[in-house]
Structure formats: C-alpha cells, structure tokens
Amino acid sequence: MLRVIALLAALCAVTYGCPTIISKSQWGGRAPTCRTAMATPVTYVIIHHTAGASCTTQSACITQVKNIQNMHMTTNEWCDIGYSFLVGEDGNIYEGRGWTSVGAHAPNYNSNSIGINIIGTFTSRNPNAAAQNAAKALISCGVTKGYIKSAYILKGHRNVTATECPGNTFYNTIKTWPRFQA
C-alpha cells in the first residue's frame, strides 16, 4: 500500500508541481561553513548512490543523511554535504546543497550539475520504485522551475569520473531514463 501511495504522490508531483523536499533544517542538517552560488539552469544531472546502507523509513533516512553530511564535513573537510539532493527508499527527497549551490559530487561537473544521490548500494539491485519515481519527479521539478535546462543531459557518476557509482544494476536502469548520455 505504501508503494502505491508513493507512486501516486510521484505522479501527482510530476503532473501538478514539485515533490515535497525535506529541507535541511527539517532533517536537522548542519549549517554549511561556506557556499558558492551556482548559475542556473544547469546542463547536467548526475545520479549517484551512497554505496552504504539503504533506508526505507523517514527516521532511518534522516540518520543516513546526517551520517553522510558528517562524513563529508568532518572526514572529507568539505564545507557541506556534497550532493544537491538525496533520495531515500522511503520515497522522500532530502535537501543537500539544493538547487543553487555548487556541489562536491562530481569533479569538473560540480558547477554545472545537480547531483542526486539515492541512499543505498545498487550494484546488484535497483532502488525501489518510490526512490526512482521521486528522483524522476525531482528532475522534472528542476526543469519546470528553471534550475535544470529542458535539454539537460543525464549521466551516472561513473560517466564523469573513475568510479563504480551508481552501482551496476542501477546504472543499467538509468541508461533507460530520458535524456541519458554516457
């Protein structure tokens, strides 16, 4: 039943407006220590996975997003979480750097892309439908709101740097999504 509700919510978001995005303050994120504004609309959407634990409830996803932000800011010494947005298998979208801040997710593409990370490891399985639909709705929202060019190019993280991200199974799936280019 929850899967049906998430699918309907994603379809409504695409049809009638943007999906709900859980803001950084709502998930309890740390304030960035710096920010570089990004010119929009951007040309690229880069899809990632965390290569860590997945989450299927809002509380578990919030824990994961906080852990990722802490790793990025403390271990990597970045000024914020690296991704523009993170998507859980609970079907929710969590704000990272958002639409208008340069990310730290794809070298040489950070200033001209939105980085969408699906929480989990997707080398031998796909994210569930709720997560995939939320990511697609987020891209549509970005186009509608003028943050992403209508003629955007979708790429997997592995297309822009040496990595296995977003996992083999999920990568094969995003190759079927609209506007994908290797």
C-alpha atoms as a PDB file:
ATOM      1  CA  MET A   1       0.000   0.000   0.000  1.00  0.00           C
ATOM      2  CA  LEU A   2       2.836   2.423   0.857  1.00  0.00           C
ATOM      3  CA  ARG A   3       4.407   1.723  -2.531  1.00  0.00           C
ATOM      4  CA  VAL A   4       1.139   2.643  -4.275  1.00  0.00           C
ATOM      5  CA  ILE A   5       0.871   5.859  -2.246  1.00  0.00           C
ATOM      6  CA  ALA A   6       4.470   6.806  -3.088  1.00  0.00           C
ATOM      7  CA  LEU A   7       3.864   6.107  -6.787  1.00  0.00           C
ATOM      8  CA  LEU A   8       0.705   8.217  -6.805  1.00  0.00           C
ATOM      9  CA  ALA A   9       2.492  11.040  -4.978  1.00  0.00           C
ATOM     10  CA  ALA A  10       5.283  10.999  -7.553  1.00  0.00           C
ATOM     11  CA  LEU A  11       2.817  11.022 -10.439  1.00  0.00           C
ATOM     12  CA  CYS A  12       0.893  13.903  -8.892  1.00  0.00           C
ATOM     13  CA  ALA A  13       4.117  15.805  -8.339  1.00  0.00           C
ATOM     14  CA  VAL A  14       5.072  15.462 -11.994  1.00  0.00           C
ATOM     15  CA  THR A  15       1.590  16.399 -13.153  1.00  0.00           C
ATOM     16  CA  TYR A  16       0.750  19.174 -10.694  1.00  0.00           C
ATOM     17  CA  GLY A  17       4.036  20.540  -9.400  1.00  0.00           C
ATOM     18  CA  CYS A  18       7.150  19.683  -7.500  1.00  0.00           C
ATOM     19  CA  PRO A  19       7.504  16.877  -4.982  1.00  0.00           C
ATOM     20  CA  THR A  20       7.925  17.686  -1.327  1.00  0.00           C
ATOM     21  CA  ILE A  21      11.563  18.205  -0.422  1.00  0.00           C
ATOM     22  CA  ILE A  22      12.513  17.759   3.223  1.00  0.00           C
ATOM     23  CA  SER A  23      14.624  20.835   3.924  1.00  0.00           C
ATOM     24  CA  LYS A  24      17.987  20.688   5.613  1.00  0.00           C
ATOM     25  CA  SER A  25      16.511  22.334   8.703  1.00  0.00           C
ATOM     26  CA  GLN A  26      13.700  19.745   8.781  1.00  0.00           C
ATOM     27  CA  TRP A  27      16.150  16.830   8.753  1.00  0.00           C
ATOM     28  CA  GLY A  28      18.458  18.534  11.246  1.00  0.00           C
ATOM     29  CA  GLY A  29      21.381  19.182   8.928  1.00  0.00           C
ATOM     30  CA  ARG A  30      24.432  21.179   9.924  1.00  0.00           C
ATOM     31  CA  ALA A  31      24.861  24.662   8.512  1.00  0.00           C
ATOM     32  CA  PRO A  32      27.443  24.869   5.709  1.00  0.00           C
ATOM     33  CA  THR A  33      30.738  26.561   6.513  1.00  0.00           C
ATOM     34  CA  CYS A  34      30.906  28.070   3.016  1.00  0.00           C
ATOM     35  CA  ARG A  35      28.744  28.359  -0.080  1.00  0.00           C
ATOM     36  CA  THR A  36      29.419  29.030  -3.759  1.00  0.00           C
ATOM     37  CA  ALA A  37      26.414  30.152  -5.787  1.00  0.00           C
ATOM     38  CA  MET A  38      25.703  28.145  -8.932  1.00  0.00           C
ATOM     39  CA  ALA A  39      24.398  29.694 -12.135  1.00  0.00           C
ATOM     40  CA  THR A  40      21.207  28.042 -13.286  1.00  0.00           C
ATOM     41  CA  PRO A  41      19.793  26.424 -15.291  1.00  0.00           C
ATOM     42  CA  VAL A  42      22.416  23.690 -15.295  1.00  0.00           C
ATOM     43  CA  THR A  43      23.141  21.334 -18.185  1.00  0.00           C
ATOM     44  CA  TYR A  44      23.764  18.093 -16.281  1.00  0.00           C
ATOM     45  CA  VAL A  45      22.023  15.848 -13.785  1.00  0.00           C
ATOM     46  CA  ILE A  46      24.425  13.358 -12.207  1.00  0.00           C
ATOM     47  CA  ILE A  47      22.992  10.253 -10.488  1.00  0.00           C
ATOM     48  CA  HIS A  48      24.848   8.684  -7.531  1.00  0.00           C
ATOM     49  CA  HIS A  49      24.385   6.063  -4.857  1.00  0.00           C
ATOM     50  CA  THR A  50      25.869   6.225  -1.372  1.00  0.00           C
ATOM     51  CA  ALA A  51      27.396   2.739  -1.558  1.00  0.00           C
ATOM     52  CA  GLY A  52      26.203   2.290   2.013  1.00  0.00           C
ATOM     53  CA  ALA A  53      23.120   1.199   3.902  1.00  0.00           C
ATOM     54  CA  SER A  54      19.711   1.851   2.391  1.00  0.00           C
ATOM     55  CA  CYS A  55      16.732   3.263   4.270  1.00  0.00           C
ATOM     56  CA  THR A  56      13.004   2.717   3.945  1.00  0.00           C
ATOM     57  CA  THR A  57      11.636   4.957   6.718  1.00  0.00           C
ATOM     58  CA  GLN A  58      11.959   8.688   7.177  1.00  0.00           C
ATOM     59  CA  SER A  59      13.735   8.319  10.526  1.00  0.00           C
ATOM     60  CA  ALA A  60      16.270   5.847   9.094  1.00  0.00           C
ATOM     61  CA  CYS A  61      16.841   8.063   6.049  1.00  0.00           C
ATOM     62  CA  ILE A  62      17.383  11.139   8.219  1.00  0.00           C
ATOM     63  CA  THR A  63      20.000   9.183  10.173  1.00  0.00           C
ATOM     64  CA  GLN A  64      21.714   8.188   6.919  1.00  0.00           C
ATOM     65  CA  VAL A  65      21.665  11.747   5.534  1.00  0.00           C
ATOM     66  CA  LYS A  66      23.152  13.112   8.788  1.00  0.00           C
ATOM     67  CA  ASN A  67      25.867  10.425   8.698  1.00  0.00           C
ATOM     68  CA  ILE A  68      26.714  11.321   5.087  1.00  0.00           C
ATOM     69  CA  GLN A  69      26.870  15.035   5.906  1.00  0.00           C
ATOM     70  CA  ASN A  70      29.094  14.361   8.926  1.00  0.00           C
ATOM     71  CA  MET A  71      31.455  12.233   6.814  1.00  0.00           C
ATOM     72  CA  HIS A  72      31.626  14.881   4.089  1.00  0.00           C
ATOM     73  CA  MET A  73      32.180  17.764   6.506  1.00  0.00           C
ATOM     74  CA  THR A  74      34.363  16.066   9.137  1.00  0.00           C
ATOM     75  CA  THR A  75      36.316  13.387   7.268  1.00  0.00           C
ATOM     76  CA  ASN A  76      36.477  14.991   3.815  1.00  0.00           C
ATOM     77  CA  GLU A  77      36.673  18.509   5.282  1.00  0.00           C
ATOM     78  CA  TRP A  78      34.124  19.830   2.791  1.00  0.00           C
ATOM     79  CA  CYS A  79      32.027  22.816   3.761  1.00  0.00           C
ATOM     80  CA  ASP A  80      28.739  20.870   3.428  1.00  0.00           C
ATOM     81  CA  ILE A  81      27.227  17.599   2.249  1.00  0.00           C
ATOM     82  CA  GLY A  82      28.404  17.052  -1.307  1.00  0.00           C
ATOM     83  CA  TYR A  83      25.100  16.298  -3.062  1.00  0.00           C
ATOM     84  CA  SER A  84      22.364  18.657  -4.177  1.00  0.00           C
ATOM     85  CA  PHE A  85      19.680  16.197  -3.035  1.00  0.00           C
ATOM     86  CA  LEU A  86      19.442  12.725  -1.536  1.00  0.00           C
ATOM     87  CA  VAL A  87      16.560  10.309  -2.111  1.00  0.00           C
ATOM     88  CA  GLY A  88      15.573   7.521   0.245  1.00  0.00           C
ATOM     89  CA  GLU A  89      13.707   4.336  -0.471  1.00  0.00           C
ATOM     90  CA  ASP A  90      11.037   5.858   1.760  1.00  0.00           C
ATOM     91  CA  GLY A  91      10.214   7.954  -1.324  1.00  0.00           C
ATOM     92  CA  ASN A  92      11.329  11.207   0.296  1.00  0.00           C
ATOM     93  CA  ILE A  93      13.750  13.763  -1.092  1.00  0.00           C
ATOM     94  CA  TYR A  94      16.221  15.325   1.348  1.00  0.00           C
ATOM     95  CA  GLU A  95      17.805  18.684   0.604  1.00  0.00           C
ATOM     96  CA  GLY A  96      21.576  18.715   0.432  1.00  0.00           C
ATOM     97  CA  ARG A  97      23.122  21.795  -1.135  1.00  0.00           C
ATOM     98  CA  GLY A  98      19.897  22.405  -3.022  1.00  0.00           C
ATOM     99  CA  TRP A  99      19.282  23.929  -6.431  1.00  0.00           C
ATOM    100  CA  THR A 100      21.588  26.950  -6.330  1.00  0.00           C
ATOM    101  CA  SER A 101      24.813  25.939  -4.554  1.00  0.00           C
ATOM    102  CA  VAL A 102      27.798  24.300  -6.245  1.00  0.00           C
ATOM    103  CA  GLY A 103      28.138  20.736  -5.015  1.00  0.00           C
ATOM    104  CA  ALA A 104      31.091  18.459  -4.305  1.00  0.00           C
ATOM    105  CA  HIS A 105      29.784  15.324  -6.007  1.00  0.00           C
ATOM    106  CA  ALA A 106      31.406  15.138  -9.468  1.00  0.00           C
ATOM    107  CA  PRO A 107      34.779  16.772 -10.204  1.00  0.00           C
ATOM    108  CA  ASN A 108      34.685  19.012 -13.300  1.00  0.00           C
ATOM    109  CA  TYR A 109      30.846  18.912 -13.245  1.00  0.00           C
ATOM    110  CA  ASN A 110      30.051  20.373  -9.822  1.00  0.00           C
ATOM    111  CA  SER A 111      29.408  23.908 -11.049  1.00  0.00           C
ATOM    112  CA  ASN A 112      27.146  22.835 -13.918  1.00  0.00           C
ATOM    113  CA  SER A 113      25.133  19.953 -12.462  1.00  0.00           C
ATOM    114  CA  ILE A 114      22.607  18.850  -9.919  1.00  0.00           C
ATOM    115  CA  GLY A 115      23.847  15.796  -8.017  1.00  0.00           C
ATOM    116  CA  ILE A 116      21.078  13.407  -6.983  1.00  0.00           C
ATOM    117  CA  ASN A 117      22.124  10.625  -4.633  1.00  0.00           C
ATOM    118  CA  ILE A 118      19.963   7.581  -3.986  1.00  0.00           C
ATOM    119  CA  ILE A 119      20.685   6.281  -0.477  1.00  0.00           C
ATOM    120  CA  GLY A 120      21.914   2.677  -0.602  1.00  0.00           C
ATOM    121  CA  THR A 121      24.109   0.294  -2.570  1.00  0.00           C
ATOM    122  CA  PHE A 122      22.814  -0.616  -6.016  1.00  0.00           C
ATOM    123  CA  THR A 123      25.446  -2.915  -7.501  1.00  0.00           C
ATOM    124  CA  SER A 124      23.166  -5.970  -7.583  1.00  0.00           C
ATOM    125  CA  ARG A 125      19.703  -4.463  -7.153  1.00  0.00           C
ATOM    126  CA  ASN A 126      17.792  -1.349  -8.124  1.00  0.00           C
ATOM    127  CA  PRO A 127      16.419   1.220  -5.729  1.00  0.00           C
ATOM    128  CA  ASN A 128      12.710   0.645  -5.205  1.00  0.00           C
ATOM    129  CA  ALA A 129      10.046   2.344  -7.333  1.00  0.00           C
ATOM    130  CA  ALA A 130       9.384   5.012  -4.694  1.00  0.00           C
ATOM    131  CA  ALA A 131      13.005   6.200  -4.818  1.00  0.00           C
ATOM    132  CA  GLN A 132      13.243   6.055  -8.606  1.00  0.00           C
ATOM    133  CA  ASN A 133       9.962   7.930  -9.056  1.00  0.00           C
ATOM    134  CA  ALA A 134      10.987  10.568  -6.512  1.00  0.00           C
ATOM    135  CA  ALA A 135      14.270  11.139  -8.374  1.00  0.00           C
ATOM    136  CA  LYS A 136      12.451  11.465 -11.704  1.00  0.00           C
ATOM    137  CA  ALA A 137       9.914  13.864 -10.160  1.00  0.00           C
ATOM    138  CA  LEU A 138      12.772  15.934  -8.736  1.00  0.00           C
ATOM    139  CA  ILE A 139      14.386  16.225 -12.182  1.00  0.00           C
ATOM    140  CA  SER A 140      11.050  17.271 -13.709  1.00  0.00           C
ATOM    141  CA  CYS A 141      10.623  19.834 -10.954  1.00  0.00           C
ATOM    142  CA  GLY A 142      14.089  21.250 -11.624  1.00  0.00           C
ATOM    143  CA  VAL A 143      13.234  21.668 -15.287  1.00  0.00           C
ATOM    144  CA  THR A 144       9.838  23.236 -14.519  1.00  0.00           C
ATOM    145  CA  LYS A 145      11.346  25.669 -12.009  1.00  0.00           C
ATOM    146  CA  GLY A 146      14.204  26.656 -14.342  1.00  0.00           C
ATOM    147  CA  TYR A 147      17.049  25.140 -12.305  1.00  0.00           C
ATOM    148  CA  ILE A 148      17.781  22.449 -14.921  1.00  0.00           C
ATOM    149  CA  LYS A 149      17.817  23.064 -18.685  1.00  0.00           C
ATOM    150  CA  SER A 150      14.956  21.415 -20.546  1.00  0.00           C
ATOM    151  CA  ALA A 151      17.603  19.851 -22.815  1.00  0.00           C
ATOM    152  CA  TYR A 152      19.601  18.565 -19.814  1.00  0.00           C
ATOM    153  CA  ILE A 153      21.926  15.571 -20.057  1.00  0.00           C
ATOM    154  CA  LEU A 154      21.552  12.762 -17.518  1.00  0.00           C
ATOM    155  CA  LYS A 155      24.695  10.891 -16.514  1.00  0.00           C
ATOM    156  CA  GLY A 156      25.734   8.318 -13.974  1.00  0.00           C
ATOM    157  CA  HIS A 157      28.588   9.348 -11.701  1.00  0.00           C
ATOM    158  CA  ARG A 158      30.797   6.774 -13.471  1.00  0.00           C
ATOM    159  CA  ASN A 159      30.368   8.709 -16.725  1.00  0.00           C
ATOM    160  CA  VAL A 160      32.245  11.702 -15.327  1.00  0.00           C
ATOM    161  CA  THR A 161      34.886  10.164 -13.049  1.00  0.00           C
ATOM    162  CA  ALA A 162      36.518   6.791 -12.347  1.00  0.00           C
ATOM    163  CA  THR A 163      34.039   5.071 -10.027  1.00  0.00           C
ATOM    164  CA  GLU A 164      31.526   2.225  -9.981  1.00  0.00           C
ATOM    165  CA  CYS A 165      28.823   4.643  -8.772  1.00  0.00           C
ATOM    166  CA  PRO A 166      25.791   4.435  -9.030  1.00  0.00           C
ATOM    167  CA  GLY A 167      26.233   0.645  -8.984  1.00  0.00           C
ATOM    168  CA  ASN A 168      25.983  -1.689 -11.971  1.00  0.00           C
ATOM    169  CA  THR A 169      22.319  -2.612 -11.669  1.00  0.00           C
ATOM    170  CA  PHE A 170      21.110   0.942 -11.122  1.00  0.00           C
ATOM    171  CA  TYR A 171      23.421   2.286 -13.811  1.00  0.00           C
ATOM    172  CA  ASN A 172      21.845  -0.080 -16.340  1.00  0.00           C
ATOM    173  CA  THR A 173      18.440   1.244 -15.276  1.00  0.00           C
ATOM    174  CA  ILE A 174      19.276   4.954 -15.552  1.00  0.00           C
ATOM    175  CA  LYS A 175      20.580   4.290 -19.068  1.00  0.00           C
ATOM    176  CA  THR A 176      16.882   3.805 -19.956  1.00  0.00           C
ATOM    177  CA  TRP A 177      15.774   7.118 -18.380  1.00  0.00           C
ATOM    178  CA  PRO A 178      15.030  10.121 -20.588  1.00  0.00           C
ATOM    179  CA  ARG A 179      17.990  12.267 -21.720  1.00  0.00           C
ATOM    180  CA  PHE A 180      20.701   9.786 -20.601  1.00  0.00           C
ATOM    181  CA  GLN A 181      24.069  10.104 -22.370  1.00  0.00           C
ATOM    182  CA  ALA A 182      27.132   8.087 -21.392  1.00  0.00           C
END
